[in-house]
Amino acid sequence: MATALDKSLDDIISSRPKNGRRRPNRNPRTAGTGGAKTGGAAGATRARYAGAVPTANGNRVVAPASLVNIQPDATKIIVSNLPRDVNESQIKELFASTVGPLREVNLHYDAKGNSKGTASVTFSRKGDGNKAFTQYNNRLIDGG
């Protein structure tokens, strides 16, 4: 009996079983598309980040409100794309005067002590988080 090394490539291929089975596509994002990422989750991702590019004045636009899961009695929001020179007292002043009383404001810093440009704001009353979200989502504050 000849070993596989003694056979030609054509003989080896023809001797393999032809059961027609292929490995199933296990990725739910590309299942049924032949591997192409069109529409579906990839399309939603593109739509979510389509506006998240710098505008002419350098500010960034965040995800539209329709893509965010909103709870009806939210008390906490995350504020992002803040200028690096904004401090906690300015954030407290803005939200306390326009939305309602605050329980806590945390501005996030990196290891060097520089602001990361994000803050978490916790309101005292239920629903004030939603009010702040609808009032300030995708909006520039103080002209930029």
Protein backbone atom coordinates (compact mmCIF):
# COMPACT_ATOMS: atom_id res chain seq x y z
CA MET A 1 0.00 0.00 0.00
CA ALA A 2 1.39 3.40 -0.97
CA THR A 3 1.82 6.07 1.65
CA ALA A 4 0.52 9.61 1.26
CA LEU A 5 4.00 10.76 0.32
CA ASP A 6 4.07 8.43 -2.68
CA LYS A 7 0.76 9.73 -4.09
CA SER A 8 0.28 12.83 -6.20
CA LEU A 9 -1.72 15.73 -4.83
CA ASP A 10 -4.60 14.98 -7.21
CA ASP A 11 -4.76 11.38 -5.93
CA ILE A 12 -4.81 12.53 -2.31
CA ILE A 13 -7.61 15.02 -2.95
CA SER A 14 -9.69 12.53 -4.92
CA SER A 15 -9.33 9.88 -2.18
CA ARG A 16 -10.77 12.17 0.52
CA PRO A 17 -14.47 11.67 1.33
CA LYS A 18 -16.85 14.07 -0.33
CA ASN A 19 -19.67 14.41 2.18
CA GLY A 20 -20.37 18.06 1.31
CA ARG A 21 -20.25 19.16 4.93
CA ARG A 22 -18.81 22.53 5.64
CA ARG A 23 -18.05 24.05 8.97
CA PRO A 24 -21.12 26.06 10.09
CA ASN A 25 -20.82 29.82 10.58
CA ARG A 26 -20.97 30.33 14.35
CA ASN A 27 -20.76 34.13 14.32
CA PRO A 28 -24.33 35.47 14.75
CA ARG A 29 -23.37 38.83 13.24
CA THR A 30 -22.36 37.27 9.93
CA ALA A 31 -24.56 34.15 9.89
CA GLY A 32 -26.43 33.86 6.63
CA THR A 33 -24.40 36.56 4.92
CA GLY A 34 -21.58 34.37 3.70
CA GLY A 35 -19.19 36.15 6.02
CA ALA A 36 -19.95 39.62 4.73
CA LYS A 37 -20.74 42.14 7.45
CA THR A 38 -23.53 44.10 5.85
CA GLY A 39 -26.50 45.48 7.71
CA GLY A 40 -27.39 43.87 11.02
CA ALA A 41 -25.16 44.62 13.96
CA ALA A 42 -22.42 46.14 11.82
CA GLY A 43 -24.92 48.55 10.27
CA ALA A 44 -26.16 49.55 13.71
CA THR A 45 -22.60 50.15 14.86
CA ARG A 46 -21.91 52.34 11.83
CA ALA A 47 -25.10 54.30 12.48
CA ARG A 48 -24.21 54.77 16.15
CA TYR A 49 -20.76 56.16 15.42
CA ALA A 50 -21.51 57.93 12.15
CA GLY A 51 -21.85 61.28 13.92
CA ALA A 52 -19.05 60.69 16.40
CA VAL A 53 -16.46 62.54 14.37
CA PRO A 54 -14.95 65.91 15.16
CA THR A 55 -16.99 68.84 13.87
CA ALA A 56 -15.46 71.96 12.38
CA ASN A 57 -14.88 73.50 15.81
CA GLY A 58 -13.28 70.31 17.21
CA ASN A 59 -16.18 69.16 19.41
CA ARG A 60 -17.47 65.61 19.10
CA VAL A 61 -21.03 64.49 18.68
CA VAL A 62 -22.13 61.49 20.78
CA ALA A 63 -24.60 58.67 20.09
CA PRO A 64 -28.17 59.73 19.32
CA ALA A 65 -30.75 59.38 22.07
CA SER A 66 -32.72 56.70 20.21
CA LEU A 67 -29.86 54.21 20.65
CA VAL A 68 -29.52 54.66 24.40
CA ASN A 69 -31.47 52.53 26.89
CA ILE A 70 -33.35 55.02 29.09
CA GLN A 71 -34.84 54.11 32.46
CA PRO A 72 -37.93 56.13 33.42
CA ASP A 73 -36.67 57.07 36.89
CA ALA A 74 -32.93 57.52 36.29
CA THR A 75 -30.94 59.39 38.90
CA LYS A 76 -27.44 59.09 37.42
CA ILE A 77 -25.93 60.28 34.14
CA ILE A 78 -22.46 60.22 32.61
CA VAL A 79 -21.30 63.46 31.01
CA SER A 80 -18.58 63.13 28.38
CA ASN A 81 -16.49 65.29 26.04
CA LEU A 82 -15.97 67.92 28.71
CA PRO A 83 -13.16 70.44 28.25
CA ARG A 84 -10.11 69.60 30.34
CA ASP A 85 -10.38 72.81 32.37
CA VAL A 86 -13.92 72.14 33.68
CA ASN A 87 -14.06 71.36 37.41
CA GLU A 88 -16.63 69.68 39.66
CA SER A 89 -18.02 72.93 41.03
CA GLN A 90 -18.87 74.13 37.51
CA ILE A 91 -20.69 70.87 36.76
CA LYS A 92 -22.57 71.11 40.09
CA GLU A 93 -23.58 74.69 39.38
CA LEU A 94 -24.86 73.89 35.89
CA PHE A 95 -26.97 70.85 36.77
CA ALA A 96 -28.23 72.18 40.13
CA SER A 97 -29.46 75.39 38.52
CA THR A 98 -31.02 73.84 35.41
CA VAL A 99 -32.16 70.33 36.43
CA GLY A 100 -32.42 69.85 40.20
CA PRO A 101 -30.61 69.08 43.44
CA LEU A 102 -27.52 66.86 43.23
CA ARG A 103 -26.34 64.10 45.51
CA GLU A 104 -22.86 63.65 44.02
CA VAL A 105 -20.58 64.76 41.17
CA ASN A 106 -17.42 62.82 40.31
CA LEU A 107 -15.04 64.16 37.69
CA HIS A 108 -12.77 61.41 36.39
CA TYR A 109 -8.98 61.90 36.35
CA ASP A 110 -6.06 59.95 34.85
CA ALA A 111 -2.95 58.79 36.74
CA LYS A 112 -1.25 62.17 36.24
CA GLY A 113 -4.17 64.07 37.76
CA ASN A 114 -5.46 65.46 34.47
CA SER A 115 -9.18 65.44 33.74
CA LYS A 116 -10.36 62.68 31.41
CA GLY A 117 -13.23 64.85 30.22
CA THR A 118 -15.95 62.65 31.76
CA ALA A 119 -18.00 62.97 34.93
CA SER A 120 -20.76 61.05 36.66
CA VAL A 121 -23.59 63.12 38.09
CA THR A 122 -26.04 61.64 40.61
CA PHE A 123 -29.26 63.54 41.26
CA SER A 124 -31.24 63.54 44.51
CA ARG A 125 -34.65 63.06 42.88
CA LYS A 126 -35.74 60.19 40.67
CA GLY A 127 -36.33 61.23 37.08
CA ASP A 128 -33.90 64.15 37.15
CA GLY A 129 -31.40 62.01 35.25
CA ASN A 130 -33.91 61.71 32.42
CA LYS A 131 -34.60 65.43 32.53
CA ALA A 132 -30.87 66.20 32.25
CA PHE A 133 -30.47 63.63 29.48
CA THR A 134 -33.25 65.07 27.34
CA GLN A 135 -32.09 68.62 28.01
CA TYR A 136 -28.37 68.19 27.32
CA ASN A 137 -27.82 65.06 25.16
CA ASN A 138 -25.98 65.98 21.90
CA ARG A 139 -25.84 69.64 22.89
CA LEU A 140 -22.92 72.01 23.25
CA ILE A 141 -22.75 73.89 26.55
CA ASP A 142 -21.29 77.43 26.75
CA GLY A 143 -20.69 77.49 22.99
CA GLY A 144 -18.25 74.67 22.85
